[in-house]
Amino acid sequence: PLARVPRLELRDGRVAGSSGCNRLAGSYTLAGPSLRFGPAAGTRMMCPDGMELERDVLAMLGSVAGWRVRDGALALLDAGGAEVARFGTALRSYACGDAGPVLV
């Protein structure tokens, strides 16, 4: 299910998303090609599936030192420039009553 897919939203120095099981929130610093994540706080649910994925995602965030966009995906890089994760986009348009379409 979508709830088990790691996802990140980066905006104005804050990161929010899911580590595969729990929601997470924290900070990031972006300077050109350099990207660093600060400590993340998260919910503390126990998931029957996905705890290993969550552990790996949180460890990966701690190793991120840079980023690049390639083939429409955000690649997170370690200090040596190796790709440690890749996130695609998931844009969808929804109709919300009288307000018109909303892009999510």
C-alpha atoms as a PDB file:
ATOM      1  CA  PRO A   1       0.000   0.000   0.000  1.00  0.00           C
ATOM      2  CA  LEU A   2       0.986   3.597  -0.597  1.00  0.00           C
ATOM      3  CA  ALA A   3       1.361   4.135   3.172  1.00  0.00           C
ATOM      4  CA  ARG A   4       4.424   1.841   3.057  1.00  0.00           C
ATOM      5  CA  VAL A   5       6.205   3.754   0.301  1.00  0.00           C
ATOM      6  CA  PRO A   6       8.939   6.083   1.603  1.00  0.00           C
ATOM      7  CA  ARG A   7       8.294   9.638   0.472  1.00  0.00           C
ATOM      8  CA  LEU A   8       9.767  13.048   1.168  1.00  0.00           C
ATOM      9  CA  GLU A   9       8.531  16.592   0.726  1.00  0.00           C
ATOM     10  CA  LEU A  10      11.193  19.292   1.018  1.00  0.00           C
ATOM     11  CA  ARG A  11      10.023  22.859   1.441  1.00  0.00           C
ATOM     12  CA  ASP A  12      11.567  25.943   3.028  1.00  0.00           C
ATOM     13  CA  GLY A  13      14.191  24.064   5.055  1.00  0.00           C
ATOM     14  CA  ARG A  14      11.706  21.495   6.410  1.00  0.00           C
ATOM     15  CA  VAL A  15      11.320  17.868   5.368  1.00  0.00           C
ATOM     16  CA  ALA A  16       8.154  15.836   5.912  1.00  0.00           C
ATOM     17  CA  GLY A  17       7.073  12.448   4.681  1.00  0.00           C
ATOM     18  CA  SER A  18       7.149   8.771   5.477  1.00  0.00           C
ATOM     19  CA  SER A  19      10.046   6.478   6.286  1.00  0.00           C
ATOM     20  CA  GLY A  20       8.075   3.434   5.140  1.00  0.00           C
ATOM     21  CA  CYS A  21       6.124   2.832   8.339  1.00  0.00           C
ATOM     22  CA  ASN A  22       6.004   6.078  10.294  1.00  0.00           C
ATOM     23  CA  ARG A  23       5.650   9.718   9.374  1.00  0.00           C
ATOM     24  CA  LEU A  24       8.746  11.855   9.767  1.00  0.00           C
ATOM     25  CA  ALA A  25       9.552  15.543  10.039  1.00  0.00           C
ATOM     26  CA  GLY A  26      12.796  17.432  10.357  1.00  0.00           C
ATOM     27  CA  SER A  27      15.024  19.994   8.756  1.00  0.00           C
ATOM     28  CA  TYR A  28      17.417  20.130   5.844  1.00  0.00           C
ATOM     29  CA  THR A  29      20.103  22.479   4.581  1.00  0.00           C
ATOM     30  CA  LEU A  30      20.467  23.058   0.855  1.00  0.00           C
ATOM     31  CA  ALA A  31      23.379  24.944  -0.686  1.00  0.00           C
ATOM     32  CA  GLY A  32      23.847  24.374  -4.409  1.00  0.00           C
ATOM     33  CA  PRO A  33      24.530  20.664  -4.945  1.00  0.00           C
ATOM     34  CA  SER A  34      24.990  20.095  -1.198  1.00  0.00           C
ATOM     35  CA  LEU A  35      22.083  18.671   0.829  1.00  0.00           C
ATOM     36  CA  ARG A  36      22.138  17.669   4.492  1.00  0.00           C
ATOM     37  CA  PHE A  37      19.288  16.407   6.629  1.00  0.00           C
ATOM     38  CA  GLY A  38      19.075  17.326  10.308  1.00  0.00           C
ATOM     39  CA  PRO A  39      17.691  15.006  12.972  1.00  0.00           C
ATOM     40  CA  ALA A  40      14.219  13.706  12.169  1.00  0.00           C
ATOM     41  CA  ALA A  41      11.313  13.198  14.540  1.00  0.00           C
ATOM     42  CA  GLY A  42       8.667  10.636  13.765  1.00  0.00           C
ATOM     43  CA  THR A  43       5.642   8.798  14.916  1.00  0.00           C
ATOM     44  CA  ARG A  44       6.404   5.548  16.720  1.00  0.00           C
ATOM     45  CA  MET A  45       3.975   2.987  15.309  1.00  0.00           C
ATOM     46  CA  MET A  46       5.043  -0.623  15.058  1.00  0.00           C
ATOM     47  CA  CYS A  47       4.373  -1.985  11.592  1.00  0.00           C
ATOM     48  CA  PRO A  48       4.168  -5.726  10.941  1.00  0.00           C
ATOM     49  CA  ASP A  49       5.954  -5.124   7.625  1.00  0.00           C
ATOM     50  CA  GLY A  50       8.358  -2.352   6.825  1.00  0.00           C
ATOM     51  CA  MET A  51      10.428  -1.834   9.980  1.00  0.00           C
ATOM     52  CA  GLU A  52      13.617  -2.878   8.155  1.00  0.00           C
ATOM     53  CA  LEU A  53      12.789  -0.466   5.340  1.00  0.00           C
ATOM     54  CA  GLU A  54      12.208   2.298   7.879  1.00  0.00           C
ATOM     55  CA  ARG A  55      15.559   1.641   9.557  1.00  0.00           C
ATOM     56  CA  ASP A  56      17.302   1.770   6.171  1.00  0.00           C
ATOM     57  CA  VAL A  57      15.535   4.974   5.093  1.00  0.00           C
ATOM     58  CA  LEU A  58      16.444   6.793   8.316  1.00  0.00           C
ATOM     59  CA  ALA A  59      20.068   5.634   8.042  1.00  0.00           C
ATOM     60  CA  MET A  60      20.164   6.740   4.402  1.00  0.00           C
ATOM     61  CA  LEU A  61      18.963  10.241   5.303  1.00  0.00           C
ATOM     62  CA  GLY A  62      21.903  10.522   7.676  1.00  0.00           C
ATOM     63  CA  SER A  63      24.334   9.703   4.876  1.00  0.00           C
ATOM     64  CA  VAL A  64      23.033  12.236   2.331  1.00  0.00           C
ATOM     65  CA  ALA A  65      25.523  14.917   1.301  1.00  0.00           C
ATOM     66  CA  GLY A  66      24.182  16.002  -2.091  1.00  0.00           C
ATOM     67  CA  TRP A  67      21.501  15.719  -4.722  1.00  0.00           C
ATOM     68  CA  ARG A  68      20.791  15.826  -8.444  1.00  0.00           C
ATOM     69  CA  VAL A  69      17.800  15.411 -10.732  1.00  0.00           C
ATOM     70  CA  ARG A  70      18.123  12.753 -13.393  1.00  0.00           C
ATOM     71  CA  ASP A  71      15.395  11.366 -15.652  1.00  0.00           C
ATOM     72  CA  GLY A  72      12.715  13.244 -13.682  1.00  0.00           C
ATOM     73  CA  ALA A  73      13.748  11.724 -10.352  1.00  0.00           C
ATOM     74  CA  LEU A  74      15.505  13.181  -7.319  1.00  0.00           C
ATOM     75  CA  ALA A  75      18.715  11.273  -6.592  1.00  0.00           C
ATOM     76  CA  LEU A  76      20.190  11.597  -3.101  1.00  0.00           C
ATOM     77  CA  LEU A  77      23.970  11.229  -3.008  1.00  0.00           C
ATOM     78  CA  ASP A  78      26.521  10.336  -0.334  1.00  0.00           C
ATOM     79  CA  ALA A  79      29.746  12.311   0.231  1.00  0.00           C
ATOM     80  CA  GLY A  80      31.498  10.347  -2.536  1.00  0.00           C
ATOM     81  CA  GLY A  81      28.761  11.158  -5.069  1.00  0.00           C
ATOM     82  CA  ALA A  82      27.240   7.662  -5.063  1.00  0.00           C
ATOM     83  CA  GLU A  83      23.463   7.484  -5.323  1.00  0.00           C
ATOM     84  CA  VAL A  84      21.953   6.247  -2.048  1.00  0.00           C
ATOM     85  CA  ALA A  85      18.285   6.748  -2.970  1.00  0.00           C
ATOM     86  CA  ARG A  86      16.079   7.858  -5.824  1.00  0.00           C
ATOM     87  CA  PHE A  87      12.647   9.421  -5.464  1.00  0.00           C
ATOM     88  CA  GLY A  88      10.259   9.856  -8.372  1.00  0.00           C
ATOM     89  CA  THR A  89       7.452  12.374  -8.518  1.00  0.00           C
ATOM     90  CA  ALA A  90       3.838  11.549  -7.873  1.00  0.00           C
ATOM     91  CA  LEU A  91       1.791  14.460  -9.143  1.00  0.00           C
ATOM     92  CA  ARG A  92      -1.944  14.050  -9.373  1.00  0.00           C
ATOM     93  CA  SER A  93      -4.777  16.463 -10.035  1.00  0.00           C
ATOM     94  CA  TYR A  94      -7.949  16.246  -7.949  1.00  0.00           C
ATOM     95  CA  ALA A  95     -11.252  18.101  -8.268  1.00  0.00           C
ATOM     96  CA  CYS A  96     -12.240  19.662  -4.943  1.00  0.00           C
ATOM     97  CA  GLY A  97     -15.842  20.831  -5.079  1.00  0.00           C
ATOM     98  CA  ASP A  98     -16.148  24.477  -6.118  1.00  0.00           C
ATOM     99  CA  ALA A  99     -12.449  25.211  -5.650  1.00  0.00           C
ATOM    100  CA  GLY A 100     -11.444  23.667  -8.937  1.00  0.00           C
ATOM    101  CA  PRO A 101      -8.532  21.283  -9.538  1.00  0.00           C
ATOM    102  CA  VAL A 102      -5.788  20.873  -6.974  1.00  0.00           C
ATOM    103  CA  LEU A 103      -2.385  19.526  -7.936  1.00  0.00           C
ATOM    104  CA  VAL A 104      -0.940  17.149  -5.301  1.00  0.00           C
END
